[in-house]
């Protein structure tokens, strides 16, 4: 999962992970985090998700991180948003009125690049990473995000012998292993999602579990 992999996916429009609607789990469960309007919300590996628009419409300042410049440009163009662009050695920063996207490698960023972060929304980041990168990802977020910041995390789980990721299978046991030493983990919803994801059935899956977790500091 080097950056070149994602650059190639965007260049060839292989973006089946993108949807033209706001994630319903975000609508249903974001309120359980009790994040005050005006807070700064980080969305790692955000692509051009409309979830960014929804969060901004709720009164948050949204900070997305995305490695593909195509995704960043498309996001602002397709949503008719103006942005100013500045550069630093680690990323290009596109600043809009309430949404800023940092175009660069998440693992190379610093807390200074992002500024203070009050909450995290992870719909497609952890599941985009193979197992060997997930611990590093969690540890990187620990360096970028305030210890008190709650997370809304959405995962998929399936038999990995039947399909190669991404998206990758992340089990509840792995969520516990990655986060339980620092967070209280509450599973807010878990559903059989295969019927709503025909593309995964075509790739060989015979079951698919989608789960929503709230991570908070105890």
N, C-alpha and C. Protein backbone atom coordinates (compact mmCIF):
# COMPACT_ATOMS: atom_id res chain seq x y z
N UNK A 1 0.83 -1.20 0.00
CA UNK A 1 0.00 0.00 0.00
C UNK A 1 0.87 1.26 0.00
N UNK A 2 1.82 1.30 -0.91
CA UNK A 2 2.61 2.51 -1.10
C UNK A 2 1.72 3.58 -1.75
N UNK A 3 2.08 4.87 -1.60
CA UNK A 3 1.28 5.93 -2.24
C UNK A 3 1.06 5.71 -3.72
N UNK A 4 2.04 5.08 -4.40
CA UNK A 4 1.89 4.86 -5.84
C UNK A 4 0.67 4.00 -6.17
N UNK A 5 0.33 3.09 -5.28
CA UNK A 5 -0.86 2.25 -5.51
C UNK A 5 -2.10 3.12 -5.62
N UNK A 6 -2.26 4.06 -4.69
CA UNK A 6 -3.45 4.91 -4.69
C UNK A 6 -3.40 5.93 -5.83
N UNK A 7 -2.21 6.42 -6.15
CA UNK A 7 -2.10 7.31 -7.32
C UNK A 7 -2.61 6.60 -8.57
N UNK A 8 -2.21 5.35 -8.74
CA UNK A 8 -2.64 4.59 -9.92
C UNK A 8 -4.15 4.37 -9.92
N UNK A 9 -4.72 4.09 -8.75
CA UNK A 9 -6.17 3.87 -8.70
C UNK A 9 -6.92 5.13 -9.13
N UNK A 10 -6.49 6.28 -8.65
CA UNK A 10 -7.17 7.53 -9.02
C UNK A 10 -6.91 7.88 -10.47
N UNK A 11 -5.70 7.68 -10.95
CA UNK A 11 -5.39 8.01 -12.34
C UNK A 11 -6.21 7.18 -13.31
N UNK A 12 -6.53 5.94 -12.92
CA UNK A 12 -7.29 5.04 -13.79
C UNK A 12 -8.76 4.96 -13.40
N UNK A 13 -9.18 5.86 -12.52
CA UNK A 13 -10.58 5.94 -12.08
C UNK A 13 -11.07 4.62 -11.49
N UNK A 14 -10.19 3.91 -10.81
CA UNK A 14 -10.56 2.66 -10.14
C UNK A 14 -10.93 2.97 -8.70
N UNK A 15 -12.05 3.66 -8.54
CA UNK A 15 -12.42 4.20 -7.23
C UNK A 15 -13.80 3.70 -6.82
N UNK A 16 -13.96 2.38 -6.87
CA UNK A 16 -15.22 1.78 -6.44
C UNK A 16 -15.53 2.04 -4.99
N UNK A 17 -14.52 2.43 -4.21
CA UNK A 17 -14.72 2.75 -2.79
C UNK A 17 -15.43 4.08 -2.60
N UNK A 18 -15.47 4.92 -3.65
CA UNK A 18 -16.14 6.22 -3.53
C UNK A 18 -17.63 6.06 -3.77
N UNK A 19 -18.43 6.72 -2.95
CA UNK A 19 -19.88 6.71 -3.15
C UNK A 19 -20.38 8.15 -3.26
N UNK A 20 -21.49 8.31 -3.97
CA UNK A 20 -22.05 9.64 -4.21
C UNK A 20 -23.12 10.00 -3.18
N UNK A 21 -22.92 9.55 -1.96
CA UNK A 21 -23.85 9.89 -0.89
C UNK A 21 -23.11 9.89 0.43
N UNK A 22 -23.70 10.54 1.41
CA UNK A 22 -23.12 10.58 2.75
C UNK A 22 -23.32 9.22 3.42
N UNK A 23 -22.32 8.76 4.11
CA UNK A 23 -22.42 7.47 4.78
C UNK A 23 -23.51 7.51 5.84
N UNK A 24 -24.48 6.60 5.79
CA UNK A 24 -25.58 6.64 6.77
C UNK A 24 -25.11 6.41 8.20
N UNK A 25 -24.03 5.67 8.39
CA UNK A 25 -23.53 5.46 9.76
C UNK A 25 -23.00 6.76 10.36
N UNK A 26 -22.46 7.62 9.51
CA UNK A 26 -22.02 8.92 10.00
C UNK A 26 -23.22 9.72 10.50
N UNK A 27 -24.27 9.77 9.71
CA UNK A 27 -25.48 10.48 10.12
C UNK A 27 -26.06 9.91 11.42
N UNK A 28 -26.07 8.58 11.51
CA UNK A 28 -26.75 7.93 12.63
C UNK A 28 -25.96 8.00 13.93
N UNK A 29 -24.63 7.99 13.86
CA UNK A 29 -23.84 7.76 15.06
C UNK A 29 -22.89 8.90 15.45
N UNK A 30 -22.71 9.88 14.57
CA UNK A 30 -21.76 10.94 14.93
C UNK A 30 -22.19 11.64 16.21
N UNK A 31 -23.47 11.83 16.39
CA UNK A 31 -23.94 12.54 17.58
C UNK A 31 -23.54 11.87 18.88
N UNK A 32 -23.28 10.57 18.85
CA UNK A 32 -22.92 9.86 20.09
C UNK A 32 -21.55 10.26 20.60
N UNK A 33 -20.75 10.93 19.76
CA UNK A 33 -19.44 11.39 20.21
C UNK A 33 -19.51 12.69 21.00
N UNK A 34 -20.64 13.39 20.89
CA UNK A 34 -20.86 14.65 21.61
C UNK A 34 -19.75 15.67 21.32
N UNK A 35 -19.41 15.79 20.05
CA UNK A 35 -18.39 16.75 19.63
C UNK A 35 -19.08 18.08 19.36
N UNK A 36 -18.62 19.13 20.00
CA UNK A 36 -19.26 20.43 19.88
C UNK A 36 -19.02 21.05 18.50
N UNK A 37 -20.04 21.70 17.93
CA UNK A 37 -19.82 22.46 16.69
C UNK A 37 -18.68 23.46 16.89
N UNK A 38 -17.92 23.66 15.84
CA UNK A 38 -16.74 24.50 15.93
C UNK A 38 -15.47 23.71 16.17
N UNK A 39 -15.63 22.44 16.57
CA UNK A 39 -14.46 21.59 16.79
C UNK A 39 -13.82 21.22 15.45
N UNK A 40 -12.56 20.79 15.53
CA UNK A 40 -11.82 20.41 14.33
C UNK A 40 -11.78 18.89 14.21
N UNK A 41 -12.28 18.38 13.08
CA UNK A 41 -12.44 16.94 12.87
C UNK A 41 -11.47 16.47 11.79
N UNK A 42 -10.70 15.44 12.11
CA UNK A 42 -9.77 14.86 11.15
C UNK A 42 -10.43 13.68 10.43
N UNK A 43 -10.30 13.67 9.09
CA UNK A 43 -10.78 12.55 8.27
C UNK A 43 -9.58 12.03 7.49
N UNK A 44 -8.91 10.99 7.99
CA UNK A 44 -7.74 10.47 7.28
C UNK A 44 -8.13 9.67 6.05
N UNK A 45 -7.26 9.70 5.03
CA UNK A 45 -7.48 8.99 3.77
C UNK A 45 -8.90 9.25 3.26
N UNK A 46 -9.21 10.52 3.08
CA UNK A 46 -10.60 10.96 2.89
C UNK A 46 -11.09 10.84 1.46
N UNK A 47 -10.18 10.72 0.46
CA UNK A 47 -10.63 10.74 -0.92
C UNK A 47 -11.37 12.03 -1.22
N UNK A 48 -12.50 11.91 -1.96
CA UNK A 48 -13.33 13.08 -2.23
C UNK A 48 -14.72 12.88 -1.61
N UNK A 49 -14.73 12.26 -0.45
CA UNK A 49 -15.97 11.85 0.20
C UNK A 49 -16.90 13.01 0.50
N UNK A 50 -18.19 12.79 0.26
CA UNK A 50 -19.21 13.77 0.63
C UNK A 50 -19.42 13.83 2.14
N UNK A 51 -18.84 12.89 2.86
CA UNK A 51 -18.89 12.96 4.32
C UNK A 51 -18.22 14.24 4.83
N UNK A 52 -17.24 14.72 4.09
CA UNK A 52 -16.57 15.98 4.47
C UNK A 52 -17.57 17.14 4.44
N UNK A 53 -18.41 17.17 3.41
CA UNK A 53 -19.42 18.22 3.29
C UNK A 53 -20.42 18.13 4.44
N UNK A 54 -20.85 16.91 4.74
CA UNK A 54 -21.83 16.73 5.82
C UNK A 54 -21.27 17.22 7.15
N UNK A 55 -20.05 16.88 7.46
CA UNK A 55 -19.44 17.33 8.72
C UNK A 55 -19.33 18.85 8.76
N UNK A 56 -18.93 19.45 7.65
CA UNK A 56 -18.84 20.91 7.61
C UNK A 56 -20.21 21.54 7.80
N UNK A 57 -21.24 20.93 7.23
CA UNK A 57 -22.60 21.45 7.37
C UNK A 57 -23.10 21.37 8.81
N UNK A 58 -22.51 20.50 9.61
CA UNK A 58 -22.89 20.41 11.03
C UNK A 58 -22.16 21.45 11.88
N UNK A 59 -21.31 22.23 11.25
CA UNK A 59 -20.64 23.31 11.97
C UNK A 59 -19.22 23.01 12.39
N UNK A 60 -18.63 21.94 11.83
CA UNK A 60 -17.26 21.59 12.19
C UNK A 60 -16.26 22.15 11.19
N UNK A 61 -15.04 22.34 11.66
CA UNK A 61 -13.92 22.60 10.76
C UNK A 61 -13.31 21.25 10.41
N UNK A 62 -13.28 20.92 9.15
CA UNK A 62 -12.91 19.58 8.71
C UNK A 62 -11.51 19.60 8.10
N UNK A 63 -10.69 18.66 8.57
CA UNK A 63 -9.32 18.52 8.07
C UNK A 63 -9.20 17.13 7.47
N UNK A 64 -9.10 17.05 6.16
CA UNK A 64 -8.93 15.77 5.49
C UNK A 64 -7.48 15.56 5.09
N UNK A 65 -7.08 14.31 5.04
CA UNK A 65 -5.76 13.95 4.53
C UNK A 65 -5.94 12.97 3.39
N UNK A 66 -5.33 13.27 2.25
CA UNK A 66 -5.49 12.44 1.06
C UNK A 66 -4.20 12.49 0.24
N UNK A 67 -3.74 11.32 -0.19
CA UNK A 67 -2.47 11.25 -0.90
C UNK A 67 -2.60 11.64 -2.37
N UNK A 68 -3.79 11.52 -2.95
CA UNK A 68 -3.95 11.75 -4.38
C UNK A 68 -4.34 13.19 -4.69
N UNK A 69 -3.54 13.91 -5.48
CA UNK A 69 -3.94 15.26 -5.89
C UNK A 69 -5.18 15.26 -6.78
N UNK A 70 -5.41 14.18 -7.52
CA UNK A 70 -6.62 14.09 -8.35
C UNK A 70 -7.85 14.13 -7.46
N UNK A 71 -7.84 13.36 -6.37
CA UNK A 71 -8.98 13.34 -5.45
C UNK A 71 -9.21 14.70 -4.84
N UNK A 72 -8.15 15.37 -4.45
CA UNK A 72 -8.28 16.69 -3.82
C UNK A 72 -8.86 17.70 -4.79
N UNK A 73 -8.31 17.75 -5.99
CA UNK A 73 -8.81 18.68 -7.00
C UNK A 73 -10.27 18.39 -7.33
N UNK A 74 -10.59 17.11 -7.51
CA UNK A 74 -11.96 16.73 -7.84
C UNK A 74 -12.92 17.13 -6.73
N UNK A 75 -12.50 16.97 -5.48
CA UNK A 75 -13.40 17.30 -4.37
C UNK A 75 -13.83 18.76 -4.44
N UNK A 76 -12.89 19.65 -4.58
CA UNK A 76 -13.24 21.07 -4.59
C UNK A 76 -13.99 21.45 -5.87
N UNK A 77 -13.59 20.88 -7.00
CA UNK A 77 -14.25 21.21 -8.26
C UNK A 77 -15.69 20.69 -8.30
N UNK A 78 -15.89 19.44 -7.91
CA UNK A 78 -17.22 18.83 -8.00
C UNK A 78 -18.21 19.42 -7.01
N UNK A 79 -17.69 19.97 -5.92
CA UNK A 79 -18.57 20.57 -4.92
C UNK A 79 -18.61 22.10 -5.01
N UNK A 80 -17.97 22.64 -6.07
CA UNK A 80 -18.00 24.08 -6.36
C UNK A 80 -17.51 24.88 -5.15
N UNK A 81 -16.39 24.44 -4.59
CA UNK A 81 -15.80 25.10 -3.43
C UNK A 81 -14.49 25.76 -3.83
N UNK A 82 -14.28 26.94 -3.29
CA UNK A 82 -13.02 27.64 -3.53
C UNK A 82 -12.01 27.24 -2.47
N UNK A 83 -10.75 27.18 -2.88
CA UNK A 83 -9.69 26.85 -1.94
C UNK A 83 -8.41 27.56 -2.35
N UNK A 84 -7.61 27.92 -1.38
CA UNK A 84 -6.28 28.44 -1.64
C UNK A 84 -5.28 27.33 -1.37
N UNK A 85 -4.22 27.32 -2.13
CA UNK A 85 -3.24 26.23 -2.04
C UNK A 85 -1.90 26.77 -1.58
N UNK A 86 -1.35 26.13 -0.56
CA UNK A 86 0.00 26.44 -0.09
C UNK A 86 0.78 25.13 0.00
N UNK A 87 2.09 25.22 0.04
CA UNK A 87 2.93 24.03 0.08
C UNK A 87 3.83 24.07 1.30
N UNK A 88 4.12 22.88 1.81
CA UNK A 88 5.23 22.74 2.74
C UNK A 88 5.99 21.48 2.34
N UNK A 89 7.10 21.14 2.98
CA UNK A 89 7.89 20.00 2.51
C UNK A 89 7.16 18.67 2.56
N UNK A 90 6.07 18.57 3.31
CA UNK A 90 5.40 17.28 3.49
C UNK A 90 4.07 17.16 2.75
N UNK A 91 3.46 18.28 2.41
CA UNK A 91 2.13 18.20 1.78
C UNK A 91 1.76 19.52 1.13
N UNK A 92 0.80 19.46 0.22
CA UNK A 92 0.12 20.65 -0.29
C UNK A 92 -1.15 20.83 0.55
N UNK A 93 -1.40 22.04 0.97
CA UNK A 93 -2.57 22.31 1.82
C UNK A 93 -3.57 23.14 1.02
N UNK A 94 -4.76 22.57 0.83
CA UNK A 94 -5.84 23.25 0.13
C UNK A 94 -6.84 23.71 1.19
N UNK A 95 -6.96 25.01 1.38
CA UNK A 95 -7.82 25.55 2.43
C UNK A 95 -9.08 26.15 1.85
N UNK A 96 -10.22 25.60 2.26
CA UNK A 96 -11.50 26.18 1.93
C UNK A 96 -12.07 26.91 3.13
N UNK A 97 -13.32 27.30 3.04
CA UNK A 97 -13.93 28.06 4.13
C UNK A 97 -14.03 27.25 5.40
N UNK A 98 -14.48 26.02 5.31
CA UNK A 98 -14.60 25.17 6.50
C UNK A 98 -13.99 23.79 6.30
N UNK A 99 -13.41 23.54 5.13
CA UNK A 99 -12.78 22.26 4.83
C UNK A 99 -11.39 22.52 4.28
N UNK A 100 -10.41 21.88 4.89
CA UNK A 100 -9.03 21.93 4.38
C UNK A 100 -8.57 20.51 4.10
N UNK A 101 -7.94 20.31 2.95
CA UNK A 101 -7.40 19.01 2.61
C UNK A 101 -5.88 19.09 2.51
N UNK A 102 -5.21 18.19 3.20
CA UNK A 102 -3.76 18.08 3.14
C UNK A 102 -3.43 16.96 2.17
N UNK A 103 -2.80 17.30 1.07
CA UNK A 103 -2.46 16.33 0.04
C UNK A 103 -1.04 15.85 0.27
N UNK A 104 -0.93 14.65 0.83
CA UNK A 104 0.37 14.09 1.15
C UNK A 104 0.22 12.77 1.87
N UNK A 105 1.33 12.22 2.29
CA UNK A 105 1.38 10.93 2.97
C UNK A 105 1.08 11.14 4.45
N UNK A 106 0.01 10.53 4.94
CA UNK A 106 -0.36 10.68 6.35
C UNK A 106 0.80 10.36 7.28
N UNK A 107 1.58 9.34 6.93
CA UNK A 107 2.66 8.91 7.81
C UNK A 107 3.81 9.92 7.89
N UNK A 108 3.84 10.86 6.97
CA UNK A 108 4.91 11.86 6.96
C UNK A 108 4.50 13.16 7.64
N UNK A 109 3.24 13.31 8.00
CA UNK A 109 2.75 14.57 8.54
C UNK A 109 3.11 14.73 10.01
N UNK A 110 3.06 15.97 10.46
CA UNK A 110 3.31 16.29 11.86
C UNK A 110 2.05 16.91 12.47
N UNK A 111 2.03 16.95 13.77
CA UNK A 111 0.91 17.59 14.45
C UNK A 111 0.80 19.06 14.08
N UNK A 112 1.92 19.69 13.80
CA UNK A 112 1.90 21.09 13.40
C UNK A 112 1.22 21.26 12.05
N UNK A 113 1.38 20.30 11.15
CA UNK A 113 0.72 20.37 9.85
C UNK A 113 -0.79 20.39 10.00
N UNK A 114 -1.32 19.57 10.91
CA UNK A 114 -2.75 19.44 11.06
C UNK A 114 -3.35 20.50 11.98
N UNK A 115 -2.59 20.94 12.96
CA UNK A 115 -3.16 21.80 14.01
C UNK A 115 -3.93 20.94 15.01
N UNK A 116 -4.56 21.59 15.95
CA UNK A 116 -5.29 20.87 16.99
C UNK A 116 -6.45 20.08 16.38
N UNK A 117 -6.60 18.83 16.80
CA UNK A 117 -7.67 17.96 16.32
C UNK A 117 -8.51 17.52 17.52
N UNK A 118 -9.83 17.68 17.40
CA UNK A 118 -10.73 17.39 18.50
C UNK A 118 -11.46 16.05 18.36
N UNK A 119 -11.52 15.51 17.14
CA UNK A 119 -12.22 14.24 16.91
C UNK A 119 -11.74 13.66 15.58
N UNK A 120 -11.95 12.35 15.42
CA UNK A 120 -11.51 11.64 14.22
C UNK A 120 -12.68 10.86 13.65
N UNK A 121 -12.84 10.93 12.34
CA UNK A 121 -13.83 10.12 11.63
C UNK A 121 -13.08 9.24 10.64
N UNK A 122 -13.11 7.93 10.87
CA UNK A 122 -12.37 6.97 10.05
C UNK A 122 -13.37 6.01 9.42
N UNK A 123 -13.75 6.30 8.18
CA UNK A 123 -14.64 5.40 7.45
C UNK A 123 -13.88 4.47 6.52
N UNK A 124 -12.78 4.94 5.96
CA UNK A 124 -12.12 4.18 4.90
C UNK A 124 -10.60 4.19 5.04
N UNK A 125 -10.10 4.47 6.23
CA UNK A 125 -8.66 4.57 6.40
C UNK A 125 -8.05 3.28 6.94
N UNK A 126 -8.51 2.85 8.11
CA UNK A 126 -7.95 1.61 8.68
C UNK A 126 -8.16 0.43 7.73
N UNK A 127 -9.32 0.33 7.12
CA UNK A 127 -9.60 -0.80 6.25
C UNK A 127 -8.90 -0.69 4.89
N UNK A 128 -8.28 0.45 4.63
CA UNK A 128 -7.49 0.61 3.40
C UNK A 128 -6.07 0.09 3.57
N UNK A 129 -5.70 -0.25 4.80
CA UNK A 129 -4.31 -0.60 5.10
C UNK A 129 -4.18 -2.09 5.36
N UNK A 130 -3.12 -2.71 4.85
CA UNK A 130 -2.87 -4.12 5.14
C UNK A 130 -2.46 -4.30 6.60
N UNK A 131 -2.51 -5.52 7.11
CA UNK A 131 -2.25 -5.74 8.54
C UNK A 131 -0.93 -5.17 9.04
N UNK A 132 0.12 -5.25 8.22
CA UNK A 132 1.43 -4.82 8.69
C UNK A 132 1.54 -3.31 8.89
N UNK A 133 0.59 -2.54 8.36
CA UNK A 133 0.63 -1.08 8.52
C UNK A 133 -0.33 -0.56 9.57
N UNK A 134 -1.21 -1.39 10.10
CA UNK A 134 -2.28 -0.87 10.96
C UNK A 134 -1.77 -0.38 12.30
N UNK A 135 -0.84 -1.10 12.91
CA UNK A 135 -0.28 -0.64 14.17
C UNK A 135 0.44 0.69 13.98
N UNK A 136 1.19 0.80 12.89
CA UNK A 136 1.87 2.06 12.60
C UNK A 136 0.87 3.19 12.41
N UNK A 137 -0.23 2.89 11.74
CA UNK A 137 -1.29 3.89 11.53
C UNK A 137 -1.85 4.39 12.85
N UNK A 138 -2.17 3.47 13.74
CA UNK A 138 -2.72 3.86 15.04
C UNK A 138 -1.71 4.68 15.83
N UNK A 139 -0.47 4.28 15.80
CA UNK A 139 0.57 5.02 16.51
C UNK A 139 0.80 6.40 15.89
N UNK A 140 0.67 6.50 14.57
CA UNK A 140 0.80 7.81 13.91
C UNK A 140 -0.32 8.74 14.34
N UNK A 141 -1.55 8.24 14.38
CA UNK A 141 -2.66 9.07 14.85
C UNK A 141 -2.43 9.54 16.28
N UNK A 142 -1.84 8.70 17.11
CA UNK A 142 -1.56 9.09 18.49
C UNK A 142 -0.64 10.31 18.54
N UNK A 143 0.25 10.45 17.55
CA UNK A 143 1.15 11.60 17.54
C UNK A 143 0.50 12.85 16.95
N UNK A 144 -0.60 12.66 16.21
CA UNK A 144 -1.22 13.77 15.50
C UNK A 144 -2.45 14.33 16.19
N UNK A 145 -3.06 13.54 17.07
CA UNK A 145 -4.38 13.86 17.60
C UNK A 145 -4.33 13.95 19.12
N UNK A 146 -5.07 14.88 19.68
CA UNK A 146 -5.14 15.02 21.14
C UNK A 146 -5.61 13.71 21.78
N UNK A 147 -5.05 13.41 22.93
CA UNK A 147 -5.39 12.16 23.62
C UNK A 147 -6.87 12.07 23.95
N UNK A 148 -7.53 13.20 24.09
CA UNK A 148 -8.95 13.22 24.48
C UNK A 148 -9.89 13.12 23.28
N UNK A 149 -9.37 13.10 22.06
CA UNK A 149 -10.22 13.13 20.86
C UNK A 149 -10.94 11.81 20.66
N UNK A 150 -12.26 11.79 20.61
CA UNK A 150 -12.99 10.56 20.31
C UNK A 150 -12.91 10.23 18.83
N UNK A 151 -13.12 8.95 18.51
CA UNK A 151 -13.10 8.48 17.13
C UNK A 151 -14.42 7.81 16.80
N UNK A 152 -14.90 8.02 15.58
CA UNK A 152 -15.94 7.17 15.01
C UNK A 152 -15.27 6.36 13.92
N UNK A 153 -15.30 5.04 14.08
CA UNK A 153 -14.55 4.12 13.23
C UNK A 153 -15.51 3.12 12.58
N UNK A 154 -15.43 2.99 11.26
CA UNK A 154 -16.25 2.05 10.53
C UNK A 154 -15.34 1.01 9.87
N UNK A 155 -15.66 -0.26 10.09
CA UNK A 155 -14.82 -1.33 9.57
C UNK A 155 -15.64 -2.35 8.78
N UNK A 156 -14.93 -3.16 8.02
CA UNK A 156 -15.49 -4.32 7.34
C UNK A 156 -14.73 -5.56 7.80
N UNK A 157 -15.44 -6.67 7.90
CA UNK A 157 -14.81 -7.94 8.20
C UNK A 157 -15.39 -9.01 7.28
N UNK A 158 -14.53 -9.91 6.84
CA UNK A 158 -14.93 -10.99 5.94
C UNK A 158 -13.83 -12.05 5.97
N UNK A 159 -14.02 -13.13 5.26
CA UNK A 159 -13.00 -14.17 5.17
C UNK A 159 -11.92 -13.71 4.19
N UNK A 160 -10.73 -13.36 4.68
CA UNK A 160 -9.70 -12.82 3.78
C UNK A 160 -9.16 -13.86 2.80
N UNK A 161 -9.47 -15.13 3.02
CA UNK A 161 -9.06 -16.15 2.05
C UNK A 161 -9.87 -16.07 0.76
N UNK A 162 -11.00 -15.36 0.81
CA UNK A 162 -11.89 -15.30 -0.34
C UNK A 162 -11.73 -14.01 -1.16
N UNK A 163 -11.02 -13.02 -0.61
CA UNK A 163 -10.85 -11.76 -1.34
C UNK A 163 -9.61 -11.04 -0.84
N UNK A 164 -8.85 -10.50 -1.76
CA UNK A 164 -7.73 -9.65 -1.42
C UNK A 164 -8.22 -8.21 -1.28
N UNK A 165 -7.73 -7.51 -0.27
CA UNK A 165 -8.06 -6.10 -0.13
C UNK A 165 -7.19 -5.25 -1.03
N UNK A 166 -7.42 -3.94 -1.01
CA UNK A 166 -8.39 -3.24 -0.17
C UNK A 166 -9.81 -3.27 -0.75
N UNK A 167 -10.84 -3.03 0.10
CA UNK A 167 -10.73 -2.85 1.53
C UNK A 167 -10.36 -4.17 2.22
N UNK A 168 -9.62 -4.06 3.32
CA UNK A 168 -9.15 -5.22 4.03
C UNK A 168 -10.11 -5.58 5.17
N UNK A 169 -10.09 -6.86 5.52
CA UNK A 169 -10.88 -7.33 6.65
C UNK A 169 -10.21 -6.93 7.95
N UNK A 170 -11.00 -6.32 8.84
CA UNK A 170 -10.51 -5.96 10.18
C UNK A 170 -11.53 -6.49 11.18
N UNK A 171 -11.12 -7.46 11.97
CA UNK A 171 -12.03 -8.12 12.90
C UNK A 171 -12.19 -7.31 14.18
N UNK A 172 -13.23 -7.63 14.94
CA UNK A 172 -13.42 -6.99 16.24
C UNK A 172 -12.26 -7.30 17.17
N UNK A 173 -11.72 -8.51 17.07
CA UNK A 173 -10.56 -8.86 17.91
C UNK A 173 -9.37 -7.96 17.60
N UNK A 174 -9.18 -7.63 16.33
CA UNK A 174 -8.07 -6.74 15.98
C UNK A 174 -8.32 -5.32 16.47
N UNK A 175 -9.56 -4.86 16.41
CA UNK A 175 -9.88 -3.55 16.96
C UNK A 175 -9.50 -3.50 18.44
N UNK A 176 -9.84 -4.55 19.16
CA UNK A 176 -9.48 -4.61 20.58
C UNK A 176 -7.96 -4.58 20.75
N UNK A 177 -7.25 -5.34 19.92
CA UNK A 177 -5.80 -5.39 20.04
C UNK A 177 -5.15 -4.04 19.73
N UNK A 178 -5.70 -3.32 18.78
CA UNK A 178 -5.10 -2.05 18.36
C UNK A 178 -5.40 -0.90 19.31
N UNK A 179 -6.61 -0.91 19.91
CA UNK A 179 -7.06 0.30 20.61
C UNK A 179 -7.36 0.13 22.10
N UNK A 180 -7.54 -1.09 22.58
CA UNK A 180 -8.09 -1.24 23.93
C UNK A 180 -7.16 -0.78 25.04
N UNK A 181 -5.85 -0.65 24.77
CA UNK A 181 -4.95 -0.18 25.81
C UNK A 181 -5.09 1.32 26.07
N UNK A 182 -5.77 2.04 25.15
CA UNK A 182 -5.89 3.49 25.31
C UNK A 182 -7.33 3.99 25.26
N UNK A 183 -8.24 3.20 24.68
CA UNK A 183 -9.60 3.68 24.46
C UNK A 183 -10.63 2.71 25.04
N UNK A 184 -11.74 3.28 25.44
CA UNK A 184 -12.93 2.48 25.65
C UNK A 184 -13.56 2.26 24.28
N UNK A 185 -13.88 1.01 23.96
CA UNK A 185 -14.40 0.66 22.65
C UNK A 185 -15.86 0.24 22.79
N UNK A 186 -16.74 0.95 22.10
CA UNK A 186 -18.16 0.61 22.09
C UNK A 186 -18.56 0.30 20.66
N UNK A 187 -19.08 -0.90 20.44
CA UNK A 187 -19.61 -1.25 19.12
C UNK A 187 -21.04 -0.73 19.05
N UNK A 188 -21.27 0.27 18.21
CA UNK A 188 -22.57 0.93 18.12
C UNK A 188 -23.52 0.21 17.18
N UNK A 189 -22.96 -0.51 16.20
CA UNK A 189 -23.80 -1.21 15.23
C UNK A 189 -22.95 -2.23 14.50
N UNK A 190 -23.53 -3.37 14.19
CA UNK A 190 -22.85 -4.38 13.38
C UNK A 190 -23.90 -5.09 12.55
N UNK A 191 -23.69 -5.13 11.24
CA UNK A 191 -24.70 -5.66 10.34
C UNK A 191 -24.08 -6.56 9.28
N UNK A 192 -24.89 -7.49 8.79
CA UNK A 192 -24.55 -8.23 7.58
C UNK A 192 -24.74 -7.28 6.40
N UNK A 193 -23.65 -6.96 5.71
CA UNK A 193 -23.70 -5.93 4.67
C UNK A 193 -23.53 -6.48 3.27
N UNK A 194 -23.50 -7.80 3.10
CA UNK A 194 -23.21 -8.35 1.78
C UNK A 194 -24.31 -8.05 0.78
N UNK A 195 -25.57 -8.09 1.21
CA UNK A 195 -26.68 -7.86 0.29
C UNK A 195 -26.63 -6.47 -0.33
N UNK A 196 -26.05 -5.50 0.40
CA UNK A 196 -25.97 -4.12 -0.10
C UNK A 196 -24.66 -3.86 -0.85
N UNK A 197 -23.83 -4.88 -1.00
CA UNK A 197 -22.52 -4.70 -1.63
C UNK A 197 -22.28 -5.83 -2.64
N UNK A 198 -23.02 -5.77 -3.73
CA UNK A 198 -22.94 -6.82 -4.74
C UNK A 198 -21.54 -6.96 -5.31
N UNK A 199 -20.78 -5.88 -5.37
CA UNK A 199 -19.43 -5.95 -5.94
C UNK A 199 -18.53 -6.87 -5.13
N UNK A 200 -18.79 -6.96 -3.82
CA UNK A 200 -17.98 -7.86 -3.00
C UNK A 200 -18.42 -9.30 -3.17
N UNK A 201 -19.70 -9.52 -3.37
CA UNK A 201 -20.17 -10.87 -3.68
C UNK A 201 -19.51 -11.37 -4.98
N UNK A 202 -19.41 -10.48 -5.96
CA UNK A 202 -18.80 -10.85 -7.24
C UNK A 202 -17.31 -11.15 -7.08
N UNK A 203 -16.71 -10.58 -6.05
CA UNK A 203 -15.29 -10.85 -5.80
C UNK A 203 -15.08 -12.11 -4.96
N UNK A 204 -16.16 -12.77 -4.59
CA UNK A 204 -16.02 -14.07 -3.95
C UNK A 204 -16.47 -14.17 -2.51
N UNK A 205 -16.92 -13.08 -1.91
CA UNK A 205 -17.31 -13.14 -0.51
C UNK A 205 -18.64 -13.84 -0.32
N UNK A 206 -18.74 -14.60 0.77
CA UNK A 206 -20.01 -15.21 1.13
C UNK A 206 -20.57 -14.65 2.43
N UNK A 207 -19.81 -13.76 3.09
CA UNK A 207 -20.34 -12.97 4.21
C UNK A 207 -19.52 -11.70 4.34
N UNK A 208 -20.14 -10.68 4.88
CA UNK A 208 -19.51 -9.37 5.04
C UNK A 208 -20.15 -8.67 6.23
N UNK A 209 -19.34 -8.34 7.21
CA UNK A 209 -19.83 -7.68 8.42
C UNK A 209 -19.30 -6.24 8.46
N UNK A 210 -20.21 -5.31 8.55
CA UNK A 210 -19.84 -3.89 8.69
C UNK A 210 -20.14 -3.47 10.13
N UNK A 211 -19.17 -2.86 10.76
CA UNK A 211 -19.32 -2.49 12.16
C UNK A 211 -18.94 -1.03 12.37
N UNK A 212 -19.59 -0.42 13.35
CA UNK A 212 -19.34 0.97 13.71
C UNK A 212 -18.91 1.01 15.17
N UNK A 213 -17.76 1.63 15.42
CA UNK A 213 -17.21 1.70 16.77
C UNK A 213 -17.06 3.15 17.21
N UNK A 214 -17.30 3.38 18.48
CA UNK A 214 -16.96 4.65 19.12
C UNK A 214 -15.77 4.40 20.03
N UNK A 215 -14.72 5.18 19.84
CA UNK A 215 -13.53 5.08 20.67
C UNK A 215 -13.42 6.33 21.51
N UNK A 216 -13.41 6.15 22.82
CA UNK A 216 -13.27 7.30 23.73
C UNK A 216 -12.27 6.96 24.82
N UNK A 217 -11.66 7.97 25.37
CA UNK A 217 -10.73 7.76 26.48
C UNK A 217 -11.53 7.46 27.74
N UNK A 218 -11.15 6.40 28.46
CA UNK A 218 -11.90 6.08 29.68
C UNK A 218 -11.68 7.12 30.77
